């Protein structure tokens, strides 16, 4: 395997359109959790969020942005197993505008992943001023900081439930995290920032090549 020294590696974060992903002014729903991802992918860790939901009051609901039955059956079978049929809904495929509205209207987003290469839903939610709960895996700890969300251990439903309870009970904290998340998304994950950082990498490579000529 090829082993590169850290000083030889440059990282440019994914970009997103922060003029599209922004809070659209929708009224925030109470006790409403959002999950955005492929429910057939076990790495998304949906089962741990569902287990956490069983530990929360019945008034707490979950909206999943993905297809449900009959197109996809894995999540539905888990929901049925844990008796959550009345508390979980699937949206199916959404337009960009509908997705932004979903981010803007739900109380918080949860990513209960086992692994994430980046974690775009967390960025999109932050850009819409929505607090997030994510697991400490992959790039998520680099995307989400303690001022914009809560990080929990993976495969830990009680920790997820505790974090959800903390945010649902504290509107001031949710608002504070939402504002901080938007600021972080604009500063670090906009296409403008991605382009600027990409250009910087090319300039560094060019300068190094000139020095070696």
Protein backbone atom coordinates (compact mmCIF):
# COMPACT_ATOMS: atom_id res chain seq x y z
CA UNK A 1 0.00 0.00 0.00
CA UNK A 2 1.11 3.54 -0.70
CA UNK A 3 1.84 5.47 2.50
CA UNK A 4 1.79 9.26 2.31
CA UNK A 5 3.12 11.63 4.93
CA UNK A 6 0.48 13.87 6.50
CA UNK A 7 2.28 16.99 5.27
CA UNK A 8 1.77 15.72 1.71
CA UNK A 9 -2.01 15.58 2.08
CA UNK A 10 -4.37 18.52 1.63
CA UNK A 11 -8.06 18.29 2.55
CA UNK A 12 -10.77 20.32 0.83
CA UNK A 13 -14.19 19.88 2.41
CA UNK A 14 -17.30 19.27 0.34
CA UNK A 15 -19.19 22.35 -0.74
CA UNK A 16 -22.90 23.14 -0.82
CA UNK A 17 -25.07 26.00 -2.01
CA UNK A 18 -25.65 28.03 1.14
CA UNK A 19 -28.01 30.34 -0.79
CA UNK A 20 -30.31 27.33 -1.25
CA UNK A 21 -29.72 25.58 2.05
CA UNK A 22 -30.88 28.24 4.47
CA UNK A 23 -33.76 28.50 6.89
CA UNK A 24 -36.93 29.19 4.92
CA UNK A 25 -38.89 30.59 7.84
CA UNK A 26 -41.10 27.54 8.35
CA UNK A 27 -42.63 27.14 11.79
CA UNK A 28 -40.63 24.73 13.92
CA UNK A 29 -42.47 21.59 14.89
CA UNK A 30 -42.14 20.43 18.48
CA UNK A 31 -40.64 17.08 19.45
CA UNK A 32 -39.87 16.27 15.83
CA UNK A 33 -36.70 14.41 14.81
CA UNK A 34 -35.36 14.24 11.26
CA UNK A 35 -33.29 11.49 9.64
CA UNK A 36 -31.97 11.91 6.09
CA UNK A 37 -30.34 8.93 4.44
CA UNK A 38 -30.57 5.57 2.71
CA UNK A 39 -32.40 3.31 5.14
CA UNK A 40 -31.11 0.21 3.35
CA UNK A 41 -27.52 1.14 4.20
CA UNK A 42 -26.67 -0.42 7.58
CA UNK A 43 -23.77 2.05 7.96
CA UNK A 44 -26.35 4.82 8.53
CA UNK A 45 -27.14 3.21 11.88
CA UNK A 46 -30.89 3.84 11.75
CA UNK A 47 -31.56 0.91 14.08
CA UNK A 48 -29.78 2.75 16.92
CA UNK A 49 -31.94 5.83 16.42
CA UNK A 50 -35.07 3.67 16.43
CA UNK A 51 -33.95 1.99 19.64
CA UNK A 52 -33.36 5.45 21.14
CA UNK A 53 -36.86 6.47 20.09
CA UNK A 54 -38.33 3.63 22.16
CA UNK A 55 -36.76 5.26 25.24
CA UNK A 56 -38.41 8.63 24.55
CA UNK A 57 -41.98 9.83 25.23
CA UNK A 58 -44.56 8.86 22.61
CA UNK A 59 -45.02 12.51 21.65
CA UNK A 60 -41.53 12.46 20.10
CA UNK A 61 -41.80 11.56 16.41
CA UNK A 62 -39.35 10.74 13.63
CA UNK A 63 -39.49 11.73 9.97
CA UNK A 64 -37.30 9.76 7.57
CA UNK A 65 -36.35 11.32 4.26
CA UNK A 66 -36.26 8.18 2.14
CA UNK A 67 -38.67 5.76 0.54
CA UNK A 68 -40.68 3.47 2.78
CA UNK A 69 -42.60 0.33 1.83
CA UNK A 70 -43.09 -1.18 -0.64
CA UNK A 71 -39.98 0.30 -2.28
CA UNK A 72 -37.82 -0.25 0.82
CA UNK A 73 -38.70 -2.68 3.59
CA UNK A 74 -35.70 -2.87 5.95
CA UNK A 75 -36.56 0.20 8.03
CA UNK A 76 -40.25 -0.63 8.05
CA UNK A 77 -39.56 -4.07 9.50
CA UNK A 78 -37.48 -2.53 12.30
CA UNK A 79 -40.15 0.08 13.00
CA UNK A 80 -42.76 -2.65 13.26
CA UNK A 81 -40.51 -4.73 15.51
CA UNK A 82 -40.17 -1.87 18.00
CA UNK A 83 -43.83 -0.84 17.82
CA UNK A 84 -43.10 2.59 16.36
CA UNK A 85 -45.56 2.54 13.45
CA UNK A 86 -47.50 5.54 14.80
CA UNK A 87 -44.38 7.62 15.46
CA UNK A 88 -42.34 7.24 12.26
CA UNK A 89 -43.17 8.54 8.78
CA UNK A 90 -41.39 8.33 5.43
CA UNK A 91 -41.36 11.26 3.02
CA UNK A 92 -40.21 9.46 -0.11
CA UNK A 93 -38.13 11.44 -2.60
CA UNK A 94 -38.22 15.21 -2.05
CA UNK A 95 -37.51 18.21 -4.23
CA UNK A 96 -34.73 20.52 -3.10
CA UNK A 97 -37.30 23.04 -1.87
CA UNK A 98 -39.15 20.35 0.07
CA UNK A 99 -35.91 19.15 1.64
CA UNK A 100 -34.99 22.66 2.79
CA UNK A 101 -38.46 23.02 4.29
CA UNK A 102 -37.98 19.72 6.11
CA UNK A 103 -34.66 20.86 7.57
CA UNK A 104 -36.17 24.22 8.53
CA UNK A 105 -39.31 22.87 10.22
CA UNK A 106 -38.07 19.90 12.25
CA UNK A 107 -36.73 20.33 15.78
CA UNK A 108 -33.40 18.61 15.19
CA UNK A 109 -31.51 16.20 12.92
CA UNK A 110 -29.93 12.93 14.04
CA UNK A 111 -27.18 11.04 12.22
CA UNK A 112 -26.66 7.76 14.09
CA UNK A 113 -24.07 6.52 11.60
CA UNK A 114 -21.52 3.75 11.97
CA UNK A 115 -19.35 5.53 9.39
CA UNK A 116 -19.53 8.71 7.32
CA UNK A 117 -17.10 9.89 4.67
CA UNK A 118 -18.36 13.44 5.14
CA UNK A 119 -21.91 13.86 6.48
CA UNK A 120 -23.74 16.16 4.08
CA UNK A 121 -27.13 16.02 5.89
CA UNK A 122 -25.47 17.45 9.00
CA UNK A 123 -24.04 20.34 6.96
CA UNK A 124 -27.36 20.99 5.23
CA UNK A 125 -29.23 20.98 8.54
CA UNK A 126 -26.69 23.33 10.10
CA UNK A 127 -27.04 25.68 7.13
CA UNK A 128 -30.80 25.73 7.84
CA UNK A 129 -30.11 26.66 11.49
CA UNK A 130 -31.14 23.24 12.78
CA UNK A 131 -29.19 21.66 15.66
CA UNK A 132 -27.76 18.22 15.00
CA UNK A 133 -26.87 15.09 16.93
CA UNK A 134 -24.17 12.99 15.27
CA UNK A 135 -21.97 10.04 16.14
CA UNK A 136 -18.23 10.37 16.60
CA UNK A 137 -17.32 8.52 13.42
CA UNK A 138 -15.61 9.31 10.12
CA UNK A 139 -15.59 12.99 9.28
CA UNK A 140 -18.58 13.91 11.46
CA UNK A 141 -16.45 15.25 14.36
CA UNK A 142 -14.80 17.57 11.84
CA UNK A 143 -18.13 18.74 10.45
CA UNK A 144 -19.99 19.22 13.73
CA UNK A 145 -18.53 20.93 16.78
CA UNK A 146 -19.95 21.20 20.28
CA UNK A 147 -21.31 24.68 19.60
CA UNK A 148 -23.41 23.50 16.64
CA UNK A 149 -24.55 20.09 17.87
CA UNK A 150 -24.02 17.14 20.17
CA UNK A 151 -21.61 14.30 19.41
CA UNK A 152 -22.28 10.85 20.87
CA UNK A 153 -20.64 7.44 20.74
CA UNK A 154 -21.77 5.20 17.93
CA UNK A 155 -24.05 2.19 18.52
CA UNK A 156 -25.28 3.81 21.74
CA UNK A 157 -29.09 4.30 21.81
CA UNK A 158 -29.16 5.58 25.43
CA UNK A 159 -26.64 8.30 24.54
CA UNK A 160 -28.71 9.29 21.50
CA UNK A 161 -31.89 9.37 23.59
CA UNK A 162 -30.16 11.49 26.25
CA UNK A 163 -28.90 13.97 23.65
CA UNK A 164 -32.35 14.22 22.04
CA UNK A 165 -33.97 14.82 25.44
CA UNK A 166 -31.44 17.54 26.25
CA UNK A 167 -32.16 19.44 23.05
CA UNK A 168 -35.93 18.98 23.12
CA UNK A 169 -36.04 20.48 26.62
CA UNK A 170 -33.83 23.49 25.89
CA UNK A 171 -35.04 25.88 23.18
CA UNK A 172 -32.35 28.45 23.99
CA UNK A 173 -29.68 25.82 23.41
CA UNK A 174 -31.32 24.75 20.14
CA UNK A 175 -31.46 28.34 18.92
CA UNK A 176 -27.84 28.95 19.93
CA UNK A 177 -26.65 25.80 18.16
CA UNK A 178 -28.74 26.67 15.10
CA UNK A 179 -27.09 30.07 14.75
CA UNK A 180 -23.62 28.62 15.33
CA UNK A 181 -24.30 25.86 12.80
CA UNK A 182 -25.33 28.34 10.12
CA UNK A 183 -22.18 30.39 10.75
CA UNK A 184 -19.99 27.29 10.53
CA UNK A 185 -21.69 26.09 7.35
CA UNK A 186 -21.24 29.46 5.64
CA UNK A 187 -17.60 29.83 6.66
CA UNK A 188 -16.41 26.27 5.99
CA UNK A 189 -18.77 24.42 3.67
CA UNK A 190 -19.91 26.89 1.00
CA UNK A 191 -18.89 26.37 -2.62
CA UNK A 192 -16.98 29.64 -2.40
CA UNK A 193 -14.85 28.26 0.42
CA UNK A 194 -14.38 24.92 -1.38
CA UNK A 195 -13.22 26.74 -4.53
CA UNK A 196 -10.87 28.99 -2.55
CA UNK A 197 -9.30 26.02 -0.75
CA UNK A 198 -8.98 24.04 -4.00
CA UNK A 199 -7.19 26.98 -5.62
CA UNK A 200 -4.84 27.19 -2.63
CA UNK A 201 -3.88 23.53 -3.10
CA UNK A 202 -3.07 24.08 -6.79
CA UNK A 203 -1.02 27.17 -5.95
CA UNK A 204 0.97 25.22 -3.34
CA UNK A 205 1.67 22.43 -5.83
CA UNK A 206 2.76 24.93 -8.51
CA UNK A 207 5.10 26.71 -6.10
CA UNK A 208 6.63 23.43 -4.97
CA UNK A 209 7.20 22.38 -8.58
CA UNK A 210 8.91 25.70 -9.33
CA UNK A 211 11.24 25.23 -6.36
CA UNK A 212 12.23 21.80 -7.63
CA UNK A 213 13.03 22.94 -11.17
